[in-house]
Amino acid sequence: MPPMSNPPGKKTTNEAVSNRYYRQAHFLISAGKAKQFPQNGSEVAFAGRSNAGKSSAINTLCDNKGLARTSKTPGRTRLVNFFELDEDHRLVDLPGYGFAKVPVAMKNEWQKLMTQYLSDQQALNGLVIIMDIRHPLNDYDWQMLEWCDHYQLPAHVLLTKADKIKRGAQQNSLLKTRKLLKEADINATVQTFSALKKTGLDELVAKLNSWLKLTD
């Protein structure tokens, strides 16, 4: 079972760290070529289907609605976007996959760029894979998970839009996703998340802190 949410008004250590690091995130660079990727420090990347709520999750994490671009037309993120927390730590927004209605040639360019990033970026400490809690584990999601498993990159599945379904359905989706990953011998952690209600935020922060080695 996932940890229960903290009582309203009570700040935990994780929340204090969130205020200190993630709320100070600011745009660093949009990279269209591998040679533009920052090489120093450490970073965590976010990937997911174009309509799964990736940008909203990043904005909620950083308490900044305008940080990562959101659009009613999925697939607008076409570059690898880096956000700096401090000189040594970054968050990375990868191009959305699987849904965008764009030319095949453009999709191929995105795929090439993502492959270069995921295979060569030495600063990458972990990958957060965003999935709509109502439709998790599509073919592209499995591809990302299998890639992480092959290269021994830590993966954390964020089941977003949890506010769209009832509590019981949230738990069912969570347990089913964990079960399927275990059956596939994929070592990834899983949690539910709502950008609207900010549920699951403390759990996400704790995971990122461990990957980035952030402390108060």
N, C-alpha and C. Protein backbone atom coordinates (compact mmCIF):
# COMPACT_ATOMS: atom_id res chain seq x y z
N MET A 1 0.84 -1.20 0.00
CA MET A 1 0.00 0.00 0.00
C MET A 1 0.87 1.25 0.00
N PRO A 2 0.50 2.30 -0.76
CA PRO A 2 1.28 3.52 -0.77
C PRO A 2 1.11 4.27 0.53
N PRO A 3 2.07 5.10 0.95
CA PRO A 3 1.95 5.84 2.20
C PRO A 3 0.77 6.79 2.14
N MET A 4 0.11 6.99 3.31
CA MET A 4 -1.03 7.89 3.38
C MET A 4 -0.56 9.33 3.28
N SER A 5 -1.43 10.18 2.79
CA SER A 5 -1.11 11.59 2.68
C SER A 5 -0.95 12.18 4.07
N ASN A 6 -0.15 13.23 4.18
CA ASN A 6 0.06 13.89 5.46
C ASN A 6 -1.12 14.76 5.82
N PRO A 7 -1.39 14.95 7.12
CA PRO A 7 -2.50 15.81 7.54
C PRO A 7 -2.34 17.21 7.01
N PRO A 8 -3.44 17.89 6.64
CA PRO A 8 -3.35 19.26 6.12
C PRO A 8 -2.62 20.17 7.09
N GLY A 9 -1.75 21.00 6.56
CA GLY A 9 -1.07 21.98 7.37
C GLY A 9 0.22 21.48 8.00
N LYS A 10 0.46 20.19 7.95
CA LYS A 10 1.67 19.62 8.53
C LYS A 10 2.71 19.41 7.46
N LYS A 11 3.82 20.08 7.57
CA LYS A 11 4.88 19.97 6.58
C LYS A 11 5.89 18.90 6.99
N THR A 12 6.22 18.03 6.08
CA THR A 12 7.21 17.00 6.33
C THR A 12 8.56 17.45 5.81
N THR A 13 9.59 16.65 6.09
CA THR A 13 10.92 16.95 5.55
C THR A 13 10.89 16.97 4.04
N ASN A 14 10.17 16.01 3.43
CA ASN A 14 10.10 15.96 1.98
C ASN A 14 9.51 17.23 1.40
N GLU A 15 8.44 17.74 2.05
CA GLU A 15 7.80 18.95 1.56
C GLU A 15 8.74 20.14 1.68
N ALA A 16 9.53 20.18 2.79
CA ALA A 16 10.47 21.27 2.97
C ALA A 16 11.52 21.24 1.87
N VAL A 17 12.03 20.04 1.53
CA VAL A 17 13.00 19.90 0.46
C VAL A 17 12.37 20.33 -0.86
N SER A 18 11.10 19.95 -1.07
CA SER A 18 10.40 20.33 -2.30
C SER A 18 10.38 21.84 -2.46
N ASN A 19 10.08 22.54 -1.39
CA ASN A 19 10.05 24.00 -1.45
C ASN A 19 11.43 24.57 -1.80
N ARG A 20 12.44 23.96 -1.25
CA ARG A 20 13.78 24.50 -1.41
C ARG A 20 14.34 24.26 -2.80
N TYR A 21 14.12 23.07 -3.34
CA TYR A 21 14.75 22.73 -4.60
C TYR A 21 13.83 22.85 -5.82
N TYR A 22 12.71 22.17 -5.78
CA TYR A 22 11.88 22.09 -6.98
C TYR A 22 11.16 23.40 -7.29
N ARG A 23 10.83 24.15 -6.27
CA ARG A 23 10.16 25.43 -6.51
C ARG A 23 11.09 26.48 -7.11
N GLN A 24 12.38 26.24 -7.04
CA GLN A 24 13.31 27.20 -7.64
C GLN A 24 13.74 26.77 -9.04
N ALA A 25 13.10 25.74 -9.58
CA ALA A 25 13.42 25.28 -10.93
C ALA A 25 13.18 26.39 -11.95
N HIS A 26 14.09 26.52 -12.89
CA HIS A 26 13.94 27.51 -13.95
C HIS A 26 14.48 26.92 -15.26
N PHE A 27 13.95 27.43 -16.34
CA PHE A 27 14.33 26.93 -17.67
C PHE A 27 15.81 27.17 -17.93
N LEU A 28 16.46 26.13 -18.46
CA LEU A 28 17.89 26.23 -18.77
C LEU A 28 18.13 26.24 -20.28
N ILE A 29 17.67 25.18 -20.98
CA ILE A 29 17.91 25.09 -22.42
C ILE A 29 16.95 24.09 -23.05
N SER A 30 16.58 24.34 -24.30
CA SER A 30 15.87 23.36 -25.12
C SER A 30 16.86 22.82 -26.13
N ALA A 31 17.11 21.52 -26.06
CA ALA A 31 18.14 20.92 -26.90
C ALA A 31 17.52 20.13 -28.04
N GLY A 32 17.98 20.43 -29.25
CA GLY A 32 17.53 19.70 -30.42
C GLY A 32 18.59 18.76 -30.96
N LYS A 33 19.78 18.81 -30.34
CA LYS A 33 20.89 17.95 -30.73
C LYS A 33 21.61 17.46 -29.49
N ALA A 34 22.18 16.26 -29.58
CA ALA A 34 22.82 15.66 -28.43
C ALA A 34 23.98 16.51 -27.89
N LYS A 35 24.66 17.22 -28.77
CA LYS A 35 25.80 18.02 -28.32
C LYS A 35 25.38 19.19 -27.45
N GLN A 36 24.08 19.49 -27.41
CA GLN A 36 23.58 20.58 -26.58
C GLN A 36 23.20 20.12 -25.17
N PHE A 37 23.20 18.81 -24.91
CA PHE A 37 22.82 18.32 -23.59
C PHE A 37 23.86 18.73 -22.55
N PRO A 38 23.44 19.30 -21.42
CA PRO A 38 24.39 19.60 -20.33
C PRO A 38 25.03 18.31 -19.82
N GLN A 39 26.29 18.36 -19.48
CA GLN A 39 27.01 17.15 -19.11
C GLN A 39 27.38 17.09 -17.63
N ASN A 40 27.36 18.20 -16.95
CA ASN A 40 27.78 18.20 -15.54
C ASN A 40 26.60 17.83 -14.64
N GLY A 41 26.91 17.50 -13.40
CA GLY A 41 25.88 17.28 -12.39
C GLY A 41 25.04 16.04 -12.62
N SER A 42 23.81 16.06 -12.10
CA SER A 42 22.92 14.92 -12.22
C SER A 42 21.50 15.41 -12.51
N GLU A 43 20.69 14.53 -13.12
CA GLU A 43 19.35 14.93 -13.52
C GLU A 43 18.40 13.74 -13.53
N VAL A 44 17.12 14.05 -13.48
CA VAL A 44 16.04 13.08 -13.60
C VAL A 44 15.17 13.51 -14.76
N ALA A 45 14.79 12.56 -15.62
CA ALA A 45 13.99 12.89 -16.80
C ALA A 45 12.56 12.38 -16.65
N PHE A 46 11.64 13.07 -17.32
CA PHE A 46 10.23 12.71 -17.36
C PHE A 46 9.86 12.35 -18.80
N ALA A 47 9.25 11.19 -18.97
CA ALA A 47 8.82 10.75 -20.29
C ALA A 47 7.40 10.22 -20.20
N GLY A 48 6.67 10.28 -21.31
CA GLY A 48 5.32 9.74 -21.28
C GLY A 48 4.55 10.03 -22.55
N ARG A 49 3.46 9.31 -22.71
CA ARG A 49 2.56 9.53 -23.83
C ARG A 49 2.11 10.99 -23.83
N SER A 50 1.92 11.56 -25.00
CA SER A 50 1.72 12.99 -25.14
C SER A 50 0.51 13.53 -24.39
N ASN A 51 -0.49 12.71 -24.12
CA ASN A 51 -1.68 13.20 -23.44
C ASN A 51 -1.83 12.63 -22.04
N ALA A 52 -0.71 12.21 -21.44
CA ALA A 52 -0.78 11.56 -20.12
C ALA A 52 -0.63 12.52 -18.95
N GLY A 53 -0.34 13.80 -19.21
CA GLY A 53 -0.23 14.77 -18.14
C GLY A 53 1.18 15.01 -17.65
N LYS A 54 2.17 14.82 -18.53
CA LYS A 54 3.57 14.99 -18.14
C LYS A 54 3.90 16.42 -17.73
N SER A 55 3.51 17.39 -18.56
CA SER A 55 3.82 18.78 -18.25
C SER A 55 3.13 19.24 -16.97
N SER A 56 1.89 18.81 -16.77
CA SER A 56 1.15 19.18 -15.57
C SER A 56 1.82 18.61 -14.32
N ALA A 57 2.35 17.39 -14.43
CA ALA A 57 3.04 16.78 -13.29
C ALA A 57 4.29 17.57 -12.93
N ILE A 58 5.06 17.97 -13.94
CA ILE A 58 6.28 18.75 -13.69
C ILE A 58 5.92 20.11 -13.08
N ASN A 59 4.90 20.75 -13.61
CA ASN A 59 4.49 22.05 -13.09
C ASN A 59 4.01 21.95 -11.65
N THR A 60 3.29 20.89 -11.32
CA THR A 60 2.82 20.71 -9.95
C THR A 60 3.98 20.44 -9.01
N LEU A 61 4.91 19.61 -9.43
CA LEU A 61 6.11 19.32 -8.64
C LEU A 61 6.85 20.61 -8.30
N CYS A 62 6.97 21.49 -9.28
CA CYS A 62 7.76 22.72 -9.11
C CYS A 62 6.91 23.91 -8.68
N ASP A 63 5.59 23.69 -8.49
CA ASP A 63 4.67 24.75 -8.07
C ASP A 63 4.77 25.96 -9.00
N ASN A 64 4.79 25.67 -10.30
CA ASN A 64 4.93 26.72 -11.31
C ASN A 64 4.14 26.31 -12.55
N LYS A 65 2.95 26.87 -12.73
CA LYS A 65 2.07 26.46 -13.82
C LYS A 65 2.64 26.76 -15.20
N GLY A 66 3.59 27.68 -15.27
CA GLY A 66 4.13 28.06 -16.57
C GLY A 66 5.49 27.47 -16.89
N LEU A 67 5.98 26.56 -16.05
CA LEU A 67 7.34 26.04 -16.26
C LEU A 67 7.43 25.14 -17.48
N ALA A 68 6.72 24.03 -17.46
CA ALA A 68 6.67 23.12 -18.61
C ALA A 68 5.44 23.46 -19.43
N ARG A 69 5.57 23.50 -20.72
CA ARG A 69 4.46 23.92 -21.58
C ARG A 69 3.37 22.86 -21.61
N THR A 70 2.13 23.31 -21.44
CA THR A 70 0.98 22.43 -21.58
C THR A 70 0.16 22.92 -22.77
N SER A 71 -0.53 22.00 -23.42
CA SER A 71 -1.28 22.37 -24.61
C SER A 71 -2.48 21.45 -24.76
N LYS A 72 -3.56 21.99 -25.33
CA LYS A 72 -4.72 21.16 -25.63
C LYS A 72 -4.44 20.25 -26.83
N THR A 73 -3.37 20.54 -27.53
CA THR A 73 -2.95 19.71 -28.66
C THR A 73 -1.73 18.91 -28.24
N PRO A 74 -1.87 17.62 -27.90
CA PRO A 74 -0.72 16.82 -27.43
C PRO A 74 0.39 16.75 -28.48
N GLY A 75 1.63 16.66 -27.95
CA GLY A 75 2.77 16.47 -28.84
C GLY A 75 3.50 17.74 -29.20
N ARG A 76 3.22 18.84 -28.49
CA ARG A 76 3.86 20.10 -28.83
C ARG A 76 5.31 20.18 -28.32
N THR A 77 5.66 19.34 -27.34
CA THR A 77 7.03 19.34 -26.86
C THR A 77 7.90 18.59 -27.86
N ARG A 78 8.73 19.31 -28.60
CA ARG A 78 9.51 18.70 -29.68
C ARG A 78 11.00 18.65 -29.41
N LEU A 79 11.42 19.22 -28.29
CA LEU A 79 12.82 19.24 -27.94
C LEU A 79 13.01 18.65 -26.55
N VAL A 80 14.25 18.40 -26.16
CA VAL A 80 14.55 17.97 -24.81
C VAL A 80 14.76 19.23 -23.98
N ASN A 81 13.86 19.45 -23.03
CA ASN A 81 13.88 20.68 -22.24
C ASN A 81 14.49 20.44 -20.87
N PHE A 82 15.49 21.23 -20.53
CA PHE A 82 16.20 21.11 -19.26
C PHE A 82 15.80 22.25 -18.33
N PHE A 83 15.50 21.89 -17.07
CA PHE A 83 15.18 22.86 -16.04
C PHE A 83 16.17 22.70 -14.90
N GLU A 84 16.80 23.79 -14.52
CA GLU A 84 17.86 23.75 -13.51
C GLU A 84 17.28 23.98 -12.12
N LEU A 85 17.67 23.12 -11.17
CA LEU A 85 17.32 23.32 -9.77
C LEU A 85 18.42 24.11 -9.07
N ASP A 86 19.65 23.73 -9.33
CA ASP A 86 20.83 24.47 -8.91
C ASP A 86 21.95 24.09 -9.88
N GLU A 87 23.17 24.47 -9.59
CA GLU A 87 24.26 24.23 -10.54
C GLU A 87 24.51 22.75 -10.80
N ASP A 88 24.08 21.88 -9.89
CA ASP A 88 24.41 20.47 -10.01
C ASP A 88 23.22 19.55 -10.24
N HIS A 89 21.99 20.09 -10.26
CA HIS A 89 20.81 19.24 -10.37
C HIS A 89 19.80 19.80 -11.37
N ARG A 90 19.20 18.89 -12.17
CA ARG A 90 18.25 19.31 -13.20
C ARG A 90 17.08 18.35 -13.30
N LEU A 91 15.97 18.86 -13.82
CA LEU A 91 14.85 18.05 -14.29
C LEU A 91 14.82 18.16 -15.80
N VAL A 92 14.39 17.09 -16.48
CA VAL A 92 14.40 17.07 -17.93
C VAL A 92 13.04 16.62 -18.46
N ASP A 93 12.48 17.39 -19.37
CA ASP A 93 11.19 17.09 -19.99
C ASP A 93 11.46 16.55 -21.40
N LEU A 94 11.22 15.25 -21.58
CA LEU A 94 11.45 14.62 -22.87
C LEU A 94 10.23 14.75 -23.77
N PRO A 95 10.42 14.72 -25.09
CA PRO A 95 9.28 14.81 -26.02
C PRO A 95 8.25 13.72 -25.77
N GLY A 96 6.97 14.08 -25.81
CA GLY A 96 5.91 13.10 -25.64
C GLY A 96 5.90 12.10 -26.78
N TYR A 97 5.39 10.90 -26.50
CA TYR A 97 5.41 9.87 -27.53
C TYR A 97 4.03 9.25 -27.74
N GLY A 98 3.81 8.73 -28.92
CA GLY A 98 2.70 7.84 -29.17
C GLY A 98 1.39 8.43 -29.63
N PHE A 99 1.13 9.71 -29.34
CA PHE A 99 -0.19 10.24 -29.63
C PHE A 99 -0.17 11.40 -30.64
N ALA A 100 0.93 12.13 -30.65
CA ALA A 100 0.99 13.37 -31.42
C ALA A 100 0.68 13.17 -32.91
N LYS A 101 -0.18 14.02 -33.44
CA LYS A 101 -0.54 13.96 -34.85
C LYS A 101 0.42 14.86 -35.64
N VAL A 102 1.58 14.30 -35.94
CA VAL A 102 2.61 15.04 -36.66
C VAL A 102 3.16 14.13 -37.75
N PRO A 103 3.87 14.69 -38.73
CA PRO A 103 4.43 13.87 -39.80
C PRO A 103 5.37 12.78 -39.28
N VAL A 104 5.42 11.68 -39.99
CA VAL A 104 6.26 10.54 -39.59
C VAL A 104 7.73 10.96 -39.48
N ALA A 105 8.18 11.80 -40.39
CA ALA A 105 9.57 12.24 -40.37
C ALA A 105 9.90 12.97 -39.06
N MET A 106 8.95 13.77 -38.56
CA MET A 106 9.17 14.48 -37.31
C MET A 106 9.20 13.50 -36.13
N LYS A 107 8.30 12.52 -36.16
CA LYS A 107 8.31 11.50 -35.10
C LYS A 107 9.65 10.77 -35.09
N ASN A 108 10.18 10.48 -36.26
CA ASN A 108 11.47 9.79 -36.35
C ASN A 108 12.59 10.64 -35.76
N GLU A 109 12.51 11.94 -35.98
CA GLU A 109 13.51 12.84 -35.41
C GLU A 109 13.43 12.86 -33.90
N TRP A 110 12.19 12.88 -33.38
CA TRP A 110 12.00 12.83 -31.93
C TRP A 110 12.58 11.55 -31.37
N GLN A 111 12.27 10.43 -32.04
CA GLN A 111 12.74 9.13 -31.57
C GLN A 111 14.27 9.08 -31.53
N LYS A 112 14.89 9.63 -32.56
CA LYS A 112 16.36 9.66 -32.62
C LYS A 112 16.92 10.49 -31.48
N LEU A 113 16.31 11.64 -31.22
CA LEU A 113 16.79 12.53 -30.16
C LEU A 113 16.64 11.87 -28.79
N MET A 114 15.48 11.24 -28.55
CA MET A 114 15.26 10.56 -27.27
C MET A 114 16.23 9.40 -27.08
N THR A 115 16.48 8.65 -28.15
CA THR A 115 17.40 7.53 -28.07
C THR A 115 18.80 8.00 -27.72
N GLN A 116 19.22 9.10 -28.35
CA GLN A 116 20.54 9.66 -28.05
C GLN A 116 20.61 10.09 -26.58
N TYR A 117 19.55 10.71 -26.11
CA TYR A 117 19.56 11.17 -24.72
C TYR A 117 19.61 9.98 -23.75
N LEU A 118 18.71 9.03 -23.93
CA LEU A 118 18.60 7.93 -22.98
C LEU A 118 19.80 6.99 -23.00
N SER A 119 20.46 6.88 -24.14
CA SER A 119 21.58 5.94 -24.24
C SER A 119 22.91 6.57 -23.88
N ASP A 120 23.04 7.88 -24.04
CA ASP A 120 24.35 8.51 -23.90
C ASP A 120 24.48 9.49 -22.73
N GLN A 121 23.37 9.94 -22.16
CA GLN A 121 23.46 10.99 -21.16
C GLN A 121 23.93 10.44 -19.82
N GLN A 122 25.17 10.71 -19.49
CA GLN A 122 25.79 10.18 -18.27
C GLN A 122 25.22 10.81 -17.00
N ALA A 123 24.65 11.99 -17.11
CA ALA A 123 24.12 12.68 -15.93
C ALA A 123 22.77 12.13 -15.48
N LEU A 124 22.15 11.27 -16.29
CA LEU A 124 20.80 10.78 -16.02
C LEU A 124 20.80 9.77 -14.88
N ASN A 125 20.05 10.06 -13.81
CA ASN A 125 20.00 9.19 -12.64
C ASN A 125 18.73 8.35 -12.55
N GLY A 126 17.70 8.70 -13.30
CA GLY A 126 16.46 7.95 -13.24
C GLY A 126 15.44 8.52 -14.20
N LEU A 127 14.43 7.71 -14.52
CA LEU A 127 13.40 8.12 -15.47
C LEU A 127 12.02 7.96 -14.84
N VAL A 128 11.25 9.04 -14.82
CA VAL A 128 9.87 9.01 -14.38
C VAL A 128 9.00 8.81 -15.63
N ILE A 129 8.25 7.72 -15.67
CA ILE A 129 7.42 7.41 -16.83
C ILE A 129 5.97 7.73 -16.49
N ILE A 130 5.41 8.71 -17.20
CA ILE A 130 4.07 9.20 -16.93
C ILE A 130 3.05 8.36 -17.69
N MET A 131 2.02 7.88 -16.97
CA MET A 131 0.94 7.12 -17.60
C MET A 131 -0.40 7.58 -17.04
N ASP A 132 -1.38 7.74 -17.89
CA ASP A 132 -2.75 8.01 -17.46
C ASP A 132 -3.24 6.80 -16.67
N ILE A 133 -3.68 7.01 -15.44
CA ILE A 133 -4.09 5.90 -14.59
C ILE A 133 -5.22 5.08 -15.19
N ARG A 134 -5.97 5.68 -16.11
CA ARG A 134 -7.09 4.97 -16.75
C ARG A 134 -6.63 4.11 -17.92
N HIS A 135 -5.42 4.40 -18.44
CA HIS A 135 -4.91 3.67 -19.62
C HIS A 135 -3.41 3.43 -19.49
N PRO A 136 -2.96 2.71 -18.46
CA PRO A 136 -1.51 2.51 -18.30
C PRO A 136 -0.96 1.40 -19.18
N LEU A 137 0.36 1.41 -19.31
CA LEU A 137 1.10 0.32 -19.94
C LEU A 137 0.69 0.05 -21.39
N ASN A 138 0.73 1.11 -22.21
CA ASN A 138 0.57 0.88 -23.65
C ASN A 138 1.91 0.44 -24.23
N ASP A 139 1.94 0.20 -25.53
CA ASP A 139 3.15 -0.34 -26.16
C ASP A 139 4.36 0.55 -25.96
N TYR A 140 4.16 1.86 -26.05
CA TYR A 140 5.28 2.78 -25.88
C TYR A 140 5.78 2.78 -24.44
N ASP A 141 4.86 2.66 -23.49
CA ASP A 141 5.25 2.59 -22.08
C ASP A 141 6.12 1.36 -21.83
N TRP A 142 5.72 0.23 -22.37
CA TRP A 142 6.50 -0.99 -22.22
C TRP A 142 7.89 -0.83 -22.84
N GLN A 143 7.93 -0.14 -23.97
CA GLN A 143 9.22 0.08 -24.63
C GLN A 143 10.17 0.86 -23.73
N MET A 144 9.64 1.90 -23.09
CA MET A 144 10.45 2.71 -22.19
C MET A 144 10.90 1.90 -20.98
N LEU A 145 10.00 1.12 -20.41
CA LEU A 145 10.32 0.31 -19.25
C LEU A 145 11.37 -0.74 -19.57
N GLU A 146 11.23 -1.37 -20.72
CA GLU A 146 12.20 -2.40 -21.13
C GLU A 146 13.56 -1.79 -21.40
N TRP A 147 13.56 -0.57 -21.94
CA TRP A 147 14.83 0.13 -22.16
C TRP A 147 15.53 0.39 -20.82
N CYS A 148 14.76 0.89 -19.85
CA CYS A 148 15.32 1.16 -18.52
C CYS A 148 15.87 -0.11 -17.90
N ASP A 149 15.13 -1.19 -18.04
CA ASP A 149 15.55 -2.46 -17.46
C ASP A 149 16.84 -2.95 -18.13
N HIS A 150 16.91 -2.81 -19.44
CA HIS A 150 18.09 -3.28 -20.18
C HIS A 150 19.35 -2.52 -19.77
N TYR A 151 19.22 -1.21 -19.58
CA TYR A 151 20.37 -0.39 -19.25
C TYR A 151 20.49 -0.13 -17.75
N GLN A 152 19.68 -0.83 -16.95
CA GLN A 152 19.73 -0.72 -15.49
C GLN A 152 19.56 0.71 -15.01
N LEU A 153 18.64 1.43 -15.67
CA LEU A 153 18.30 2.78 -15.27
C LEU A 153 17.07 2.73 -14.37
N PRO A 154 17.11 3.30 -13.17
CA PRO A 154 15.95 3.29 -12.29
C PRO A 154 14.74 3.92 -12.95
N ALA A 155 13.58 3.30 -12.77
CA ALA A 155 12.33 3.80 -13.37
C ALA A 155 11.26 3.93 -12.29
N HIS A 156 10.48 4.99 -12.39
CA HIS A 156 9.37 5.22 -11.47
C HIS A 156 8.14 5.57 -12.29
N VAL A 157 7.09 4.76 -12.16
CA VAL A 157 5.86 4.98 -12.93
C VAL A 157 4.93 5.90 -12.14
N LEU A 158 4.50 6.98 -12.79
CA LEU A 158 3.59 7.93 -12.18
C LEU A 158 2.22 7.78 -12.87
N LEU A 159 1.27 7.21 -12.15
CA LEU A 159 -0.08 7.04 -12.69
C LEU A 159 -0.86 8.32 -12.45
N THR A 160 -0.91 9.17 -13.46
CA THR A 160 -1.47 10.50 -13.32
C THR A 160 -2.99 10.52 -13.52
N LYS A 161 -3.56 11.71 -13.25
CA LYS A 161 -5.00 11.95 -13.40
C LYS A 161 -5.82 11.06 -12.48
N ALA A 162 -5.26 10.78 -11.29
CA ALA A 162 -5.95 9.92 -10.33
C ALA A 162 -7.27 10.53 -9.87
N ASP A 163 -7.39 11.85 -9.96
CA ASP A 163 -8.64 12.51 -9.56
C ASP A 163 -9.80 12.20 -10.49
N LYS A 164 -9.51 11.62 -11.65
CA LYS A 164 -10.55 11.30 -12.64
C LYS A 164 -11.36 10.05 -12.26
N ILE A 165 -10.82 9.24 -11.34
CA ILE A 165 -11.51 8.01 -10.97
C ILE A 165 -11.60 7.91 -9.44
N LYS A 166 -12.45 7.02 -8.95
CA LYS A 166 -12.66 6.87 -7.52
C LYS A 166 -11.47 6.16 -6.87
N ARG A 167 -11.42 6.29 -5.53
CA ARG A 167 -10.31 5.74 -4.76
C ARG A 167 -10.11 4.25 -5.02
N GLY A 168 -11.20 3.49 -5.03
CA GLY A 168 -11.10 2.06 -5.26
C GLY A 168 -10.51 1.73 -6.62
N ALA A 169 -10.92 2.48 -7.64
CA ALA A 169 -10.40 2.27 -8.99
C ALA A 169 -8.92 2.66 -9.06
N GLN A 170 -8.53 3.68 -8.31
CA GLN A 170 -7.11 4.07 -8.25
C GLN A 170 -6.27 2.92 -7.72
N GLN A 171 -6.73 2.32 -6.62
CA GLN A 171 -5.99 1.23 -6.01
C GLN A 171 -5.92 0.01 -6.93
N ASN A 172 -7.02 -0.25 -7.63
CA ASN A 172 -7.04 -1.37 -8.56
C ASN A 172 -6.02 -1.18 -9.68
N SER A 173 -5.97 0.03 -10.23
CA SER A 173 -5.02 0.32 -11.30
C SER A 173 -3.58 0.23 -10.79
N LEU A 174 -3.36 0.73 -9.59
CA LEU A 174 -2.03 0.68 -8.98
C LEU A 174 -1.56 -0.75 -8.79
N LEU A 175 -2.41 -1.57 -8.18
CA LEU A 175 -2.05 -2.95 -7.91
C LEU A 175 -1.88 -3.77 -9.20
N LYS A 176 -2.76 -3.51 -10.17
CA LYS A 176 -2.67 -4.23 -11.44
C LYS A 176 -1.37 -3.88 -12.17
N THR A 177 -1.01 -2.59 -12.16
CA THR A 177 0.22 -2.16 -12.82
C THR A 177 1.43 -2.81 -12.17
N ARG A 178 1.47 -2.80 -10.84
CA ARG A 178 2.57 -3.44 -10.12
C ARG A 178 2.65 -4.93 -10.44
N LYS A 179 1.50 -5.58 -10.52
CA LYS A 179 1.45 -7.01 -10.80
C LYS A 179 2.00 -7.32 -12.19
N LEU A 180 1.59 -6.52 -13.19
CA LEU A 180 2.04 -6.74 -14.55
C LEU A 180 3.54 -6.50 -14.70
N LEU A 181 4.05 -5.51 -14.00
CA LEU A 181 5.49 -5.25 -14.05
C LEU A 181 6.27 -6.39 -13.40
N LYS A 182 5.75 -6.90 -12.30
CA LYS A 182 6.41 -8.02 -11.63
C LYS A 182 6.41 -9.26 -12.52
N GLU A 183 5.28 -9.51 -13.19
CA GLU A 183 5.19 -10.67 -14.08
C GLU A 183 6.15 -10.54 -15.26
N ALA A 184 6.40 -9.30 -15.69
CA ALA A 184 7.32 -9.06 -16.80
C ALA A 184 8.76 -8.95 -16.33
N ASP A 185 8.96 -9.11 -15.01
CA ASP A 185 10.30 -9.01 -14.41
C ASP A 185 10.92 -7.64 -14.67
N ILE A 186 10.07 -6.60 -14.60
CA ILE A 186 10.54 -5.22 -14.73
C ILE A 186 10.62 -4.60 -13.34
N ASN A 187 11.79 -4.13 -12.98
CA ASN A 187 12.00 -3.55 -11.65
C ASN A 187 11.74 -2.05 -11.69
N ALA A 188 10.50 -1.65 -11.39
CA ALA A 188 10.13 -0.23 -11.38
C ALA A 188 9.16 0.01 -10.24
N THR A 189 9.28 1.16 -9.61
CA THR A 189 8.32 1.54 -8.57
C THR A 189 7.13 2.23 -9.22
N VAL A 190 5.98 2.19 -8.53
CA VAL A 190 4.74 2.73 -9.09
C VAL A 190 3.99 3.51 -8.01
N GLN A 191 3.36 4.62 -8.41
CA GLN A 191 2.52 5.36 -7.50
C GLN A 191 1.39 6.05 -8.25
N THR A 192 0.35 6.46 -7.53
CA THR A 192 -0.72 7.26 -8.12
C THR A 192 -0.40 8.74 -7.90
N PHE A 193 -0.99 9.59 -8.74
CA PHE A 193 -0.66 11.02 -8.68
C PHE A 193 -1.79 11.84 -9.28
N SER A 194 -2.05 12.99 -8.70
CA SER A 194 -3.01 13.94 -9.27
C SER A 194 -2.40 15.33 -9.25
N ALA A 195 -2.18 15.89 -10.43
CA ALA A 195 -1.66 17.25 -10.52
C ALA A 195 -2.69 18.25 -9.99
N LEU A 196 -3.97 17.95 -10.19
CA LEU A 196 -5.04 18.85 -9.77
C LEU A 196 -5.12 18.95 -8.25
N LYS A 197 -5.10 17.80 -7.58
CA LYS A 197 -5.25 17.78 -6.13
C LYS A 197 -3.93 17.64 -5.38
N LYS A 198 -2.86 17.47 -6.11
CA LYS A 198 -1.51 17.35 -5.56
C LYS A 198 -1.34 16.10 -4.69
N THR A 199 -2.20 15.11 -4.87
CA THR A 199 -2.03 13.87 -4.14
C THR A 199 -0.90 13.06 -4.75
N GLY A 200 -0.07 12.48 -3.89
CA GLY A 200 1.09 11.73 -4.34
C GLY A 200 2.33 12.58 -4.53
N LEU A 201 2.21 13.87 -4.27
CA LEU A 201 3.35 14.77 -4.49
C LEU A 201 4.51 14.46 -3.55
N ASP A 202 4.21 14.19 -2.27
CA ASP A 202 5.28 13.91 -1.32
C ASP A 202 6.03 12.63 -1.67
N GLU A 203 5.30 11.64 -2.19
CA GLU A 203 5.93 10.38 -2.59
C GLU A 203 6.85 10.59 -3.80
N LEU A 204 6.40 11.41 -4.75
CA LEU A 204 7.22 11.72 -5.91
C LEU A 204 8.48 12.47 -5.50
N VAL A 205 8.33 13.45 -4.62
CA VAL A 205 9.47 14.23 -4.15
C VAL A 205 10.50 13.34 -3.47
N ALA A 206 10.02 12.41 -2.64
CA ALA A 206 10.94 11.50 -1.94
C ALA A 206 11.74 10.65 -2.94
N LYS A 207 11.07 10.20 -3.99
CA LYS A 207 11.76 9.40 -5.01
C LYS A 207 12.83 10.22 -5.73
N LEU A 208 12.47 11.43 -6.14
CA LEU A 208 13.43 12.28 -6.84
C LEU A 208 14.60 12.66 -5.95
N ASN A 209 14.30 12.95 -4.67
CA ASN A 209 15.35 13.30 -3.73
C ASN A 209 16.38 12.16 -3.62
N SER A 210 15.88 10.92 -3.58
CA SER A 210 16.80 9.78 -3.46
C SER A 210 17.66 9.63 -4.70
N TRP A 211 17.08 9.87 -5.86
CA TRP A 211 17.84 9.75 -7.11
C TRP A 211 18.87 10.87 -7.25
N LEU A 212 18.48 12.08 -6.88
CA LEU A 212 19.36 13.24 -7.04
C LEU A 212 20.25 13.48 -5.82
N LYS A 213 20.00 12.68 -4.76
CA LYS A 213 20.75 12.81 -3.52
C LYS A 213 20.61 14.21 -2.93
N LEU A 214 19.36 14.67 -2.88
CA LEU A 214 19.05 15.97 -2.31
C LEU A 214 18.63 15.81 -0.86
N THR A 215 19.15 16.67 0.00
CA THR A 215 18.79 16.68 1.42
C THR A 215 18.54 18.10 1.85
N ASP A 216 17.92 18.23 3.02
CA ASP A 216 17.65 19.57 3.56
C ASP A 216 18.93 20.31 3.86
